[in-house]
Amino acid sequence: MKLLKNATNILFFLMAFVFIVPNIDAQSKQIKRPKSKVGISSVDTFVKESFDIYGKVYKYDGKAKNRRVEFVKI
């Protein structure tokens, strides 16, 4: 009996986690690229390449959200 109650509680929390967490937007604004360089070429290259990828992902995510909204409107 106690096992069934524990299983029900665990199932409830798992379902809440699955349905609530995806609806939380962690980042609402795009972070800005650093204006200055550090002076270490490997670090500067890493930051540049990371922000290049980040910019592409951020733009793609925005386009995907807009497409979803347009699809719902139709």
C-alpha atoms as a PDB file:
ATOM      1  CA  MET A   1       0.000   0.000   0.000  1.00  0.00           C
ATOM      2  CA  LYS A   2       2.797   2.380   0.916  1.00  0.00           C
ATOM      3  CA  LEU A   3       4.659   1.390  -2.251  1.00  0.00           C
ATOM      4  CA  LEU A   4       1.633   2.324  -4.368  1.00  0.00           C
ATOM      5  CA  LYS A   5       1.406   5.732  -2.679  1.00  0.00           C
ATOM      6  CA  ASN A   6       5.116   6.384  -3.254  1.00  0.00           C
ATOM      7  CA  ALA A   7       4.839   5.303  -6.879  1.00  0.00           C
ATOM      8  CA  THR A   8       1.887   7.658  -7.371  1.00  0.00           C
ATOM      9  CA  ASN A   9       3.844  10.564  -5.893  1.00  0.00           C
ATOM     10  CA  ILE A  10       6.873   9.820  -8.058  1.00  0.00           C
ATOM     11  CA  LEU A  11       4.693   9.536 -11.162  1.00  0.00           C
ATOM     12  CA  PHE A  12       3.003  12.860 -10.348  1.00  0.00           C
ATOM     13  CA  PHE A  13       6.325  14.683  -9.996  1.00  0.00           C
ATOM     14  CA  LEU A  14       7.726  13.125 -13.168  1.00  0.00           C
ATOM     15  CA  MET A  15       4.667  14.156 -15.161  1.00  0.00           C
ATOM     16  CA  ALA A  16       4.823  17.676 -13.717  1.00  0.00           C
ATOM     17  CA  PHE A  17       8.512  17.835 -14.646  1.00  0.00           C
ATOM     18  CA  VAL A  18       7.862  16.634 -18.200  1.00  0.00           C
ATOM     19  CA  PHE A  19       5.038  19.099 -18.845  1.00  0.00           C
ATOM     20  CA  ILE A  20       6.286  22.182 -16.994  1.00  0.00           C
ATOM     21  CA  VAL A  21      10.022  22.270 -17.698  1.00  0.00           C
ATOM     22  CA  PRO A  22       9.788  22.481 -21.538  1.00  0.00           C
ATOM     23  CA  ASN A  23       7.523  25.529 -21.200  1.00  0.00           C
ATOM     24  CA  ILE A  24      10.129  27.511 -19.273  1.00  0.00           C
ATOM     25  CA  ASP A  25      12.246  29.737 -21.497  1.00  0.00           C
ATOM     26  CA  ALA A  26      15.683  30.043 -19.991  1.00  0.00           C
ATOM     27  CA  GLN A  27      16.873  32.866 -22.216  1.00  0.00           C
ATOM     28  CA  SER A  28      14.677  35.656 -23.511  1.00  0.00           C
ATOM     29  CA  LYS A  29      17.344  37.986 -24.939  1.00  0.00           C
ATOM     30  CA  GLN A  30      20.396  37.174 -27.008  1.00  0.00           C
ATOM     31  CA  ILE A  31      23.656  37.654 -25.141  1.00  0.00           C
ATOM     32  CA  LYS A  32      26.126  40.066 -26.696  1.00  0.00           C
ATOM     33  CA  ARG A  33      29.476  39.189 -28.197  1.00  0.00           C
ATOM     34  CA  PRO A  34      32.437  40.516 -26.179  1.00  0.00           C
ATOM     35  CA  LYS A  35      33.780  43.788 -27.583  1.00  0.00           C
ATOM     36  CA  SER A  36      37.431  43.282 -26.710  1.00  0.00           C
ATOM     37  CA  LYS A  37      39.846  40.425 -27.208  1.00  0.00           C
ATOM     38  CA  VAL A  38      41.727  38.687 -24.419  1.00  0.00           C
ATOM     39  CA  GLY A  39      45.029  38.498 -26.247  1.00  0.00           C
ATOM     40  CA  ILE A  40      45.357  34.715 -26.140  1.00  0.00           C
ATOM     41  CA  SER A  41      44.778  33.522 -29.677  1.00  0.00           C
ATOM     42  CA  SER A  42      43.254  30.157 -28.725  1.00  0.00           C
ATOM     43  CA  VAL A  43      40.774  31.813 -26.355  1.00  0.00           C
ATOM     44  CA  ASP A  44      39.880  34.534 -28.852  1.00  0.00           C
ATOM     45  CA  THR A  45      39.320  31.923 -31.572  1.00  0.00           C
ATOM     46  CA  PHE A  46      37.191  29.795 -29.270  1.00  0.00           C
ATOM     47  CA  VAL A  47      35.034  32.779 -28.255  1.00  0.00           C
ATOM     48  CA  LYS A  48      34.628  33.883 -31.880  1.00  0.00           C
ATOM     49  CA  GLU A  49      33.622  30.419 -33.088  1.00  0.00           C
ATOM     50  CA  SER A  50      31.337  29.866 -30.092  1.00  0.00           C
ATOM     51  CA  PHE A  51      29.469  33.119 -30.692  1.00  0.00           C
ATOM     52  CA  ASP A  52      29.216  32.375 -34.415  1.00  0.00           C
ATOM     53  CA  ILE A  53      27.492  29.077 -33.615  1.00  0.00           C
ATOM     54  CA  TYR A  54      25.406  30.701 -30.857  1.00  0.00           C
ATOM     55  CA  GLY A  55      24.177  33.372 -33.285  1.00  0.00           C
ATOM     56  CA  LYS A  56      23.112  30.754 -35.822  1.00  0.00           C
ATOM     57  CA  VAL A  57      21.293  28.681 -33.200  1.00  0.00           C
ATOM     58  CA  TYR A  58      19.585  31.744 -31.716  1.00  0.00           C
ATOM     59  CA  LYS A  59      18.356  32.867 -35.156  1.00  0.00           C
ATOM     60  CA  TYR A  60      17.179  29.351 -36.048  1.00  0.00           C
ATOM     61  CA  ASP A  61      15.321  29.069 -32.742  1.00  0.00           C
ATOM     62  CA  GLY A  62      13.552  32.364 -33.402  1.00  0.00           C
ATOM     63  CA  LYS A  63      12.557  31.233 -36.885  1.00  0.00           C
ATOM     64  CA  ALA A  64      11.301  27.909 -35.550  1.00  0.00           C
ATOM     65  CA  LYS A  65       9.127  29.686 -32.971  1.00  0.00           C
ATOM     66  CA  ASN A  66       7.691  31.991 -35.647  1.00  0.00           C
ATOM     67  CA  ARG A  67       6.887  29.068 -37.923  1.00  0.00           C
ATOM     68  CA  ARG A  68       5.094  27.297 -35.096  1.00  0.00           C
ATOM     69  CA  VAL A  69       2.973  30.391 -34.454  1.00  0.00           C
ATOM     70  CA  GLU A  70       2.169  30.786 -38.162  1.00  0.00           C
ATOM     71  CA  PHE A  71       1.227  27.116 -38.357  1.00  0.00           C
ATOM     72  CA  VAL A  72      -1.200  27.517 -35.462  1.00  0.00           C
ATOM     73  CA  LYS A  73      -2.798  30.635 -37.023  1.00  0.00           C
ATOM     74  CA  ILE A  74      -3.699  28.748 -40.233  1.00  0.00           C
END
